[in-house]
Structures are given as structure tokens and as C-alpha cells.
Amino acid sequence: DAASINARTIAEFRANQGLVGGGFAGAPLLLLHTAGARSGT
């Protein structure tokens, strides 16, 4: 569920220049790109 919600939020963010609805509506949101601590993925 969390991965599904994240995937939808990421897609909405990208489609709307950083604006999203739902639980994040009106909140400042960023997409954080990291490398896995062990895997580097």
C-alpha cells in the first residue's frame, strides 16, 4: 500500500509541476532521491 501510494504521488507530482492532492494537498512536497544504504539501488 505504501509503495502504491508513493508511486501515485510521484506520478502526480511529476504531472503537475510538484503539486499533488490527497493527504499532501497544499503541503510543501519534494521528491527525495537516495541510494539504498546497503544495496545502492
All heavy atoms as atom14 arrays in JSON, in Angstrom:
{
  "sequence": "DAASINARTIAEFRANQGLVGGGFAGAPLLLLHTAGARSGT",
  "atom14_mask": [
    [1, 1, 1, 1, 1, 1, 1, 1, 0, 0, 0, 0, 0, 0],
    [1, 1, 1, 1, 1, 0, 0, 0, 0, 0, 0, 0, 0, 0],
    [1, 1, 1, 1, 1, 0, 0, 0, 0, 0, 0, 0, 0, 0],
    [1, 1, 1, 1, 1, 1, 0, 0, 0, 0, 0, 0, 0, 0],
    [1, 1, 1, 1, 1, 1, 1, 1, 0, 0, 0, 0, 0, 0],
    [1, 1, 1, 1, 1, 1, 1, 1, 0, 0, 0, 0, 0, 0],
    [1, 1, 1, 1, 1, 0, 0, 0, 0, 0, 0, 0, 0, 0],
    [1, 1, 1, 1, 1, 1, 1, 1, 1, 1, 1, 0, 0, 0],
    [1, 1, 1, 1, 1, 1, 1, 0, 0, 0, 0, 0, 0, 0],
    [1, 1, 1, 1, 1, 1, 1, 1, 0, 0, 0, 0, 0, 0],
    [1, 1, 1, 1, 1, 0, 0, 0, 0, 0, 0, 0, 0, 0],
    [1, 1, 1, 1, 1, 1, 1, 1, 1, 0, 0, 0, 0, 0],
    [1, 1, 1, 1, 1, 1, 1, 1, 1, 1, 1, 0, 0, 0],
    [1, 1, 1, 1, 1, 1, 1, 1, 1, 1, 1, 0, 0, 0],
    [1, 1, 1, 1, 1, 0, 0, 0, 0, 0, 0, 0, 0, 0],
    [1, 1, 1, 1, 1, 1, 1, 1, 0, 0, 0, 0, 0, 0],
    [1, 1, 1, 1, 1, 1, 1, 1, 1, 0, 0, 0, 0, 0],
    [1, 1, 1, 1, 0, 0, 0, 0, 0, 0, 0, 0, 0, 0],
    [1, 1, 1, 1, 1, 1, 1, 1, 0, 0, 0, 0, 0, 0],
    [1, 1, 1, 1, 1, 1, 1, 0, 0, 0, 0, 0, 0, 0],
    [1, 1, 1, 1, 0, 0, 0, 0, 0, 0, 0, 0, 0, 0],
    [1, 1, 1, 1, 0, 0, 0, 0, 0, 0, 0, 0, 0, 0],
    [1, 1, 1, 1, 0, 0, 0, 0, 0, 0, 0, 0, 0, 0],
    [1, 1, 1, 1, 1, 1, 1, 1, 1, 1, 1, 0, 0, 0],
    [1, 1, 1, 1, 1, 0, 0, 0, 0, 0, 0, 0, 0, 0],
    [1, 1, 1, 1, 0, 0, 0, 0, 0, 0, 0, 0, 0, 0],
    [1, 1, 1, 1, 1, 0, 0, 0, 0, 0, 0, 0, 0, 0],
    [1, 1, 1, 1, 1, 1, 1, 0, 0, 0, 0, 0, 0, 0],
    [1, 1, 1, 1, 1, 1, 1, 1, 0, 0, 0, 0, 0, 0],
    [1, 1, 1, 1, 1, 1, 1, 1, 0, 0, 0, 0, 0, 0],
    [1, 1, 1, 1, 1, 1, 1, 1, 0, 0, 0, 0, 0, 0],
    [1, 1, 1, 1, 1, 1, 1, 1, 0, 0, 0, 0, 0, 0],
    [1, 1, 1, 1, 1, 1, 1, 1, 1, 1, 0, 0, 0, 0],
    [1, 1, 1, 1, 1, 1, 1, 0, 0, 0, 0, 0, 0, 0],
    [1, 1, 1, 1, 1, 0, 0, 0, 0, 0, 0, 0, 0, 0],
    [1, 1, 1, 1, 0, 0, 0, 0, 0, 0, 0, 0, 0, 0],
    [1, 1, 1, 1, 1, 0, 0, 0, 0, 0, 0, 0, 0, 0],
    [1, 1, 1, 1, 1, 1, 1, 1, 1, 1, 1, 0, 0, 0],
    [1, 1, 1, 1, 1, 1, 0, 0, 0, 0, 0, 0, 0, 0],
    [1, 1, 1, 1, 0, 0, 0, 0, 0, 0, 0, 0, 0, 0],
    [1, 1, 1, 1, 1, 1, 1, 0, 0, 0, 0, 0, 0, 0]
  ],
  "atom14_positions": [
    [[0.82, -1.21, 0.0], [0.0, 0.0, 0.0], [0.86, 1.25, 0.0], [0.6, 2.19, -0.74], [-0.94, 0.01, 1.2], [-2.13, -0.92, 1.01], [-2.41, -1.3, -0.15], [-2.77, -1.26, 2.01], [0.0, 0.0, 0.0], [0.0, 0.0, 0.0], [0.0, 0.0, 0.0], [0.0, 0.0, 0.0], [0.0, 0.0, 0.0], [0.0, 0.0, 0.0]],
    [[1.89, 1.3, 0.87], [2.77, 2.47, 0.94], [3.47, 2.69, -0.39], [3.57, 3.82, -0.87], [3.78, 2.32, 2.07], [0.0, 0.0, 0.0], [0.0, 0.0, 0.0], [0.0, 0.0, 0.0], [0.0, 0.0, 0.0], [0.0, 0.0, 0.0], [0.0, 0.0, 0.0], [0.0, 0.0, 0.0], [0.0, 0.0, 0.0], [0.0, 0.0, 0.0]],
    [[3.96, 1.63, -1.0], [4.65, 1.76, -2.3], [3.68, 2.23, -3.37], [4.04, 3.05, -4.23], [5.29, 0.43, -2.69], [0.0, 0.0, 0.0], [0.0, 0.0, 0.0], [0.0, 0.0, 0.0], [0.0, 0.0, 0.0], [0.0, 0.0, 0.0], [0.0, 0.0, 0.0], [0.0, 0.0, 0.0], [0.0, 0.0, 0.0], [0.0, 0.0, 0.0]],
    [[2.46, 1.75, -3.34], [1.44, 2.16, -4.3], [1.09, 3.63, -4.13], [1.0, 4.38, -5.11], [0.19, 1.28, -4.13], [-0.83, 1.71, -4.98], [0.0, 0.0, 0.0], [0.0, 0.0, 0.0], [0.0, 0.0, 0.0], [0.0, 0.0, 0.0], [0.0, 0.0, 0.0], [0.0, 0.0, 0.0], [0.0, 0.0, 0.0], [0.0, 0.0, 0.0]],
    [[0.92, 4.05, -2.89], [0.62, 5.46, -2.62], [1.79, 6.33, -3.07], [1.58, 7.37, -3.7], [0.31, 5.67, -1.12], [-1.02, 5.01, -0.77], [0.3, 7.15, -0.75], [-1.28, 4.88, 0.72], [0.0, 0.0, 0.0], [0.0, 0.0, 0.0], [0.0, 0.0, 0.0], [0.0, 0.0, 0.0], [0.0, 0.0, 0.0], [0.0, 0.0, 0.0]],
    [[3.01, 5.92, -2.75], [4.19, 6.68, -3.17], [4.26, 6.78, -4.69], [4.54, 7.86, -5.23], [5.47, 6.07, -2.63], [5.72, 6.45, -1.19], [5.01, 7.24, -0.59], [6.76, 5.86, -0.61], [0.0, 0.0, 0.0], [0.0, 0.0, 0.0], [0.0, 0.0, 0.0], [0.0, 0.0, 0.0], [0.0, 0.0, 0.0], [0.0, 0.0, 0.0]],
    [[4.01, 5.68, -5.39], [4.07, 5.69, -6.86], [3.04, 6.65, -7.44], [3.35, 7.41, -8.37], [3.87, 4.28, -7.4], [0.0, 0.0, 0.0], [0.0, 0.0, 0.0], [0.0, 0.0, 0.0], [0.0, 0.0, 0.0], [0.0, 0.0, 0.0], [0.0, 0.0, 0.0], [0.0, 0.0, 0.0], [0.0, 0.0, 0.0], [0.0, 0.0, 0.0]],
    [[1.83, 6.63, -6.9], [0.8, 7.56, -7.39], [1.17, 9.01, -7.08], [0.98, 9.9, -7.92], [-0.56, 7.22, -6.78], [-1.2, 5.98, -7.38], [-2.67, 5.85, -7.01], [-2.93, 5.92, -5.57], [-2.94, 4.88, -4.75], [-2.7, 3.66, -5.21], [-3.2, 5.04, -3.47], [0.0, 0.0, 0.0], [0.0, 0.0, 0.0], [0.0, 0.0, 0.0]],
    [[1.71, 9.25, -5.9], [2.09, 10.61, -5.51], [3.22, 11.11, -6.4], [3.21, 12.26, -6.84], [2.5, 10.65, -4.03], [1.4, 10.18, -3.23], [2.87, 12.06, -3.6], [0.0, 0.0, 0.0], [0.0, 0.0, 0.0], [0.0, 0.0, 0.0], [0.0, 0.0, 0.0], [0.0, 0.0, 0.0], [0.0, 0.0, 0.0], [0.0, 0.0, 0.0]],
    [[4.21, 10.27, -6.67], [5.32, 10.65, -7.55], [4.82, 10.98, -8.94], [5.2, 12.0, -9.53], [6.38, 9.52, -7.58], [7.09, 9.42, -6.23], [7.39, 9.75, -8.71], [7.88, 8.14, -6.04], [0.0, 0.0, 0.0], [0.0, 0.0, 0.0], [0.0, 0.0, 0.0], [0.0, 0.0, 0.0], [0.0, 0.0, 0.0], [0.0, 0.0, 0.0]],
    [[3.94, 10.16, -9.48], [3.38, 10.42, -10.82], [2.6, 11.72, -10.84], [2.73, 12.53, -11.79], [2.5, 9.25, -11.25], [0.0, 0.0, 0.0], [0.0, 0.0, 0.0], [0.0, 0.0, 0.0], [0.0, 0.0, 0.0], [0.0, 0.0, 0.0], [0.0, 0.0, 0.0], [0.0, 0.0, 0.0], [0.0, 0.0, 0.0], [0.0, 0.0, 0.0]],
    [[1.8, 11.97, -9.82], [1.02, 13.21, -9.75], [1.94, 14.42, -9.63], [1.73, 15.45, -10.27], [0.05, 13.14, -8.58], [-0.92, 14.3, -8.52], [-1.94, 14.17, -7.39], [-1.9, 13.19, -6.63], [-2.77, 15.09, -7.27], [0.0, 0.0, 0.0], [0.0, 0.0, 0.0], [0.0, 0.0, 0.0], [0.0, 0.0, 0.0], [0.0, 0.0, 0.0]],
    [[2.96, 14.31, -8.79], [3.95, 15.38, -8.61], [4.57, 15.75, -9.96], [4.65, 16.92, -10.33], [5.03, 14.9, -7.63], [6.11, 15.9, -7.3], [6.07, 16.6, -6.12], [7.18, 16.11, -8.16], [7.08, 17.51, -5.78], [8.19, 17.01, -7.84], [8.13, 17.72, -6.65], [0.0, 0.0, 0.0], [0.0, 0.0, 0.0], [0.0, 0.0, 0.0]],
    [[5.0, 14.74, -10.7], [5.67, 14.97, -11.98], [4.71, 15.53, -13.03], [5.11, 16.34, -13.87], [6.32, 13.69, -12.46], [7.53, 13.33, -11.62], [8.18, 12.06, -12.06], [9.46, 11.86, -11.38], [10.04, 10.7, -11.23], [9.48, 9.62, -11.74], [11.19, 10.62, -10.6], [0.0, 0.0, 0.0], [0.0, 0.0, 0.0], [0.0, 0.0, 0.0]],
    [[3.47, 15.11, -12.99], [2.49, 15.57, -13.98], [2.01, 16.99, -13.71], [1.49, 17.65, -14.62], [1.3, 14.62, -13.99], [0.0, 0.0, 0.0], [0.0, 0.0, 0.0], [0.0, 0.0, 0.0], [0.0, 0.0, 0.0], [0.0, 0.0, 0.0], [0.0, 0.0, 0.0], [0.0, 0.0, 0.0], [0.0, 0.0, 0.0], [0.0, 0.0, 0.0]],
    [[2.18, 17.47, -12.48], [1.61, 18.77, -12.09], [2.64, 19.73, -11.52], [2.33, 20.54, -10.65], [0.49, 18.54, -11.07], [-0.65, 17.75, -11.66], [-1.28, 18.2, -12.6], [-0.88, 16.57, -11.13], [0.0, 0.0, 0.0], [0.0, 0.0, 0.0], [0.0, 0.0, 0.0], [0.0, 0.0, 0.0], [0.0, 0.0, 0.0], [0.0, 0.0, 0.0]],
    [[3.88, 19.67, -11.99], [4.94, 20.58, -11.57], [5.08, 20.68, -10.05], [5.27, 21.74, -9.48], [4.73, 21.98, -12.16], [4.8, 22.06, -13.67], [3.55, 21.52, -14.35], [2.43, 21.81, -13.94], [3.75, 20.71, -15.37], [0.0, 0.0, 0.0], [0.0, 0.0, 0.0], [0.0, 0.0, 0.0], [0.0, 0.0, 0.0], [0.0, 0.0, 0.0]],
    [[4.97, 19.52, -9.39], [5.2, 19.48, -7.96], [3.97, 19.62, -7.09], [4.08, 19.56, -5.87], [0.0, 0.0, 0.0], [0.0, 0.0, 0.0], [0.0, 0.0, 0.0], [0.0, 0.0, 0.0], [0.0, 0.0, 0.0], [0.0, 0.0, 0.0], [0.0, 0.0, 0.0], [0.0, 0.0, 0.0], [0.0, 0.0, 0.0], [0.0, 0.0, 0.0]],
    [[2.81, 19.79, -7.68], [1.58, 19.92, -6.9], [0.85, 18.59, -6.88], [0.76, 17.9, -7.89], [0.68, 21.0, -7.51], [1.28, 22.4, -7.57], [0.34, 23.35, -8.27], [1.63, 22.91, -6.17], [0.0, 0.0, 0.0], [0.0, 0.0, 0.0], [0.0, 0.0, 0.0], [0.0, 0.0, 0.0], [0.0, 0.0, 0.0], [0.0, 0.0, 0.0]],
    [[0.34, 18.23, -5.7], [-0.41, 16.99, -5.55], [-1.64, 17.24, -4.7], [-1.74, 18.23, -3.98], [0.46, 15.86, -4.94], [1.65, 15.54, -5.82], [0.9, 16.21, -3.55], [0.0, 0.0, 0.0], [0.0, 0.0, 0.0], [0.0, 0.0, 0.0], [0.0, 0.0, 0.0], [0.0, 0.0, 0.0], [0.0, 0.0, 0.0], [0.0, 0.0, 0.0]],
    [[-2.56, 16.3, -4.74], [-3.77, 16.37, -3.92], [-3.69, 15.36, -2.8], [-2.61, 15.0, -2.34], [0.0, 0.0, 0.0], [0.0, 0.0, 0.0], [0.0, 0.0, 0.0], [0.0, 0.0, 0.0], [0.0, 0.0, 0.0], [0.0, 0.0, 0.0], [0.0, 0.0, 0.0], [0.0, 0.0, 0.0], [0.0, 0.0, 0.0], [0.0, 0.0, 0.0]],
    [[-4.84, 14.88, -2.4], [-4.91, 13.87, -1.35], [-4.35, 14.39, -0.04], [-4.49, 15.57, 0.29], [0.0, 0.0, 0.0], [0.0, 0.0, 0.0], [0.0, 0.0, 0.0], [0.0, 0.0, 0.0], [0.0, 0.0, 0.0], [0.0, 0.0, 0.0], [0.0, 0.0, 0.0], [0.0, 0.0, 0.0], [0.0, 0.0, 0.0], [0.0, 0.0, 0.0]],
    [[-3.69, 13.51, 0.7], [-3.15, 13.87, 2.0], [-2.06, 14.92, 1.96], [-1.76, 15.55, 2.97], [0.0, 0.0, 0.0], [0.0, 0.0, 0.0], [0.0, 0.0, 0.0], [0.0, 0.0, 0.0], [0.0, 0.0, 0.0], [0.0, 0.0, 0.0], [0.0, 0.0, 0.0], [0.0, 0.0, 0.0], [0.0, 0.0, 0.0], [0.0, 0.0, 0.0]],
    [[-1.47, 15.14, 0.78], [-0.42, 16.15, 0.64], [-0.93, 17.47, 0.06], [-0.14, 18.38, -0.17], [0.71, 15.63, -0.26], [1.55, 14.55, 0.37], [1.62, 13.3, -0.21], [2.3, 14.79, 1.5], [2.41, 12.3, 0.34], [3.1, 13.8, 2.06], [3.14, 12.55, 1.48], [0.0, 0.0, 0.0], [0.0, 0.0, 0.0], [0.0, 0.0, 0.0]],
    [[-2.22, 17.59, -0.22], [-2.77, 18.8, -0.85], [-2.39, 20.04, -0.05], [-2.59, 20.1, 1.16], [-4.28, 18.69, -0.97], [0.0, 0.0, 0.0], [0.0, 0.0, 0.0], [0.0, 0.0, 0.0], [0.0, 0.0, 0.0], [0.0, 0.0, 0.0], [0.0, 0.0, 0.0], [0.0, 0.0, 0.0], [0.0, 0.0, 0.0], [0.0, 0.0, 0.0]],
    [[-1.78, 21.0, -0.74], [-1.41, 22.27, -0.11], [-0.12, 22.23, 0.7], [0.34, 23.26, 1.17], [0.0, 0.0, 0.0], [0.0, 0.0, 0.0], [0.0, 0.0, 0.0], [0.0, 0.0, 0.0], [0.0, 0.0, 0.0], [0.0, 0.0, 0.0], [0.0, 0.0, 0.0], [0.0, 0.0, 0.0], [0.0, 0.0, 0.0], [0.0, 0.0, 0.0]],
    [[0.44, 21.07, 0.9], [1.67, 20.94, 1.71], [2.89, 21.03, 0.81], [2.86, 20.58, -0.34], [1.67, 19.61, 2.45], [0.0, 0.0, 0.0], [0.0, 0.0, 0.0], [0.0, 0.0, 0.0], [0.0, 0.0, 0.0], [0.0, 0.0, 0.0], [0.0, 0.0, 0.0], [0.0, 0.0, 0.0], [0.0, 0.0, 0.0], [0.0, 0.0, 0.0]],
    [[3.98, 21.61, 1.31], [5.22, 21.62, 0.53], [5.78, 20.21, 0.44], [6.0, 19.56, 1.46], [6.15, 22.55, 1.32], [5.59, 22.57, 2.7], [4.13, 22.26, 2.6], [0.0, 0.0, 0.0], [0.0, 0.0, 0.0], [0.0, 0.0, 0.0], [0.0, 0.0, 0.0], [0.0, 0.0, 0.0], [0.0, 0.0, 0.0], [0.0, 0.0, 0.0]],
    [[5.97, 19.75, -0.78], [6.39, 18.38, -1.02], [7.58, 18.37, -1.96], [7.64, 19.16, -2.91], [5.22, 17.61, -1.65], [5.38, 16.11, -1.8], [5.31, 15.42, -0.44], [4.29, 15.55, -2.7], [0.0, 0.0, 0.0], [0.0, 0.0, 0.0], [0.0, 0.0, 0.0], [0.0, 0.0, 0.0], [0.0, 0.0, 0.0], [0.0, 0.0, 0.0]],
    [[8.51, 17.47, -1.7], [9.63, 17.25, -2.61], [9.76, 15.76, -2.86], [9.23, 14.95, -2.11], [10.93, 17.86, -2.07], [11.47, 17.4, -0.71], [12.18, 16.06, -0.78], [12.41, 18.45, -0.16], [0.0, 0.0, 0.0], [0.0, 0.0, 0.0], [0.0, 0.0, 0.0], [0.0, 0.0, 0.0], [0.0, 0.0, 0.0], [0.0, 0.0, 0.0]],
    [[10.46, 15.44, -3.93], [10.82, 14.04, -4.2], [12.27, 13.88, -3.81], [13.14, 14.59, -4.32], [10.61, 13.68, -5.67], [9.2, 13.78, -6.21], [9.15, 13.31, -7.66], [8.21, 13.0, -5.36], [0.0, 0.0, 0.0], [0.0, 0.0, 0.0], [0.0, 0.0, 0.0], [0.0, 0.0, 0.0], [0.0, 0.0, 0.0], [0.0, 0.0, 0.0]],
    [[12.52, 12.97, -2.9], [13.85, 12.71, -2.37], [14.43, 11.49, -3.08], [13.87, 10.41, -2.99], [13.78, 12.47, -0.86], [15.06, 12.09, -0.14], [16.1, 13.2, -0.28], [14.76, 11.8, 1.32], [0.0, 0.0, 0.0], [0.0, 0.0, 0.0], [0.0, 0.0, 0.0], [0.0, 0.0, 0.0], [0.0, 0.0, 0.0], [0.0, 0.0, 0.0]],
    [[15.54, 11.69, -3.78], [16.24, 10.62, -4.49], [17.43, 10.19, -3.64], [18.33, 11.0, -3.39], [16.77, 11.11, -5.84], [15.71, 11.57, -6.79], [15.32, 10.84, -7.87], [14.98, 12.71, -6.8], [14.39, 11.5, -8.54], [14.16, 12.63, -7.9], [0.0, 0.0, 0.0], [0.0, 0.0, 0.0], [0.0, 0.0, 0.0], [0.0, 0.0, 0.0]],
    [[17.43, 8.95, -3.2], [18.53, 8.43, -2.4], [19.05, 7.14, -3.04], [18.43, 6.58, -3.93], [18.08, 8.11, -0.95], [17.08, 7.1, -0.98], [17.55, 9.36, -0.25], [0.0, 0.0, 0.0], [0.0, 0.0, 0.0], [0.0, 0.0, 0.0], [0.0, 0.0, 0.0], [0.0, 0.0, 0.0], [0.0, 0.0, 0.0], [0.0, 0.0, 0.0]],
    [[20.19, 6.7, -2.52], [20.73, 5.38, -2.88], [20.53, 4.48, -1.67], [20.77, 4.9, -0.53], [22.21, 5.48, -3.22], [0.0, 0.0, 0.0], [0.0, 0.0, 0.0], [0.0, 0.0, 0.0], [0.0, 0.0, 0.0], [0.0, 0.0, 0.0], [0.0, 0.0, 0.0], [0.0, 0.0, 0.0], [0.0, 0.0, 0.0], [0.0, 0.0, 0.0]],
    [[20.08, 3.25, -1.9], [19.87, 2.31, -0.81], [21.1, 2.2, 0.07], [22.23, 2.14, -0.44], [0.0, 0.0, 0.0], [0.0, 0.0, 0.0], [0.0, 0.0, 0.0], [0.0, 0.0, 0.0], [0.0, 0.0, 0.0], [0.0, 0.0, 0.0], [0.0, 0.0, 0.0], [0.0, 0.0, 0.0], [0.0, 0.0, 0.0], [0.0, 0.0, 0.0]],
    [[20.9, 2.18, 1.38], [22.01, 2.16, 2.34], [22.96, 0.99, 2.09], [24.18, 1.16, 2.12], [21.49, 2.11, 3.77], [0.0, 0.0, 0.0], [0.0, 0.0, 0.0], [0.0, 0.0, 0.0], [0.0, 0.0, 0.0], [0.0, 0.0, 0.0], [0.0, 0.0, 0.0], [0.0, 0.0, 0.0], [0.0, 0.0, 0.0], [0.0, 0.0, 0.0]],
    [[22.42, -0.19, 1.85], [23.26, -1.37, 1.61], [23.38, -1.69, 0.12], [24.45, -2.05, -0.35], [22.7, -2.57, 2.37], [22.86, -2.44, 3.88], [22.4, -3.7, 4.6], [21.01, -4.05, 4.31], [19.97, -3.7, 5.06], [20.16, -3.0, 6.15], [18.76, -4.07, 4.73], [0.0, 0.0, 0.0], [0.0, 0.0, 0.0], [0.0, 0.0, 0.0]],
    [[22.28, -1.58, -0.6], [22.27, -2.04, -2.0], [22.77, -0.99, -2.98], [23.23, -1.33, -4.06], [20.84, -2.42, -2.4], [20.03, -1.25, -2.46], [0.0, 0.0, 0.0], [0.0, 0.0, 0.0], [0.0, 0.0, 0.0], [0.0, 0.0, 0.0], [0.0, 0.0, 0.0], [0.0, 0.0, 0.0], [0.0, 0.0, 0.0], [0.0, 0.0, 0.0]],
    [[22.65, 0.29, -2.61], [22.98, 1.35, -3.55], [21.9, 1.56, -4.61], [22.04, 2.41, -5.48], [0.0, 0.0, 0.0], [0.0, 0.0, 0.0], [0.0, 0.0, 0.0], [0.0, 0.0, 0.0], [0.0, 0.0, 0.0], [0.0, 0.0, 0.0], [0.0, 0.0, 0.0], [0.0, 0.0, 0.0], [0.0, 0.0, 0.0], [0.0, 0.0, 0.0]],
    [[20.81, 0.81, -4.54], [19.73, 0.91, -5.5], [19.06, 2.28, -5.4], [18.76, 2.74, -4.3], [18.68, -0.19, -5.24], [19.33, -1.45, -5.34], [17.53, -0.12, -6.22], [0.0, 0.0, 0.0], [0.0, 0.0, 0.0], [0.0, 0.0, 0.0], [0.0, 0.0, 0.0], [0.0, 0.0, 0.0], [0.0, 0.0, 0.0], [0.0, 0.0, 0.0]]
  ]
}
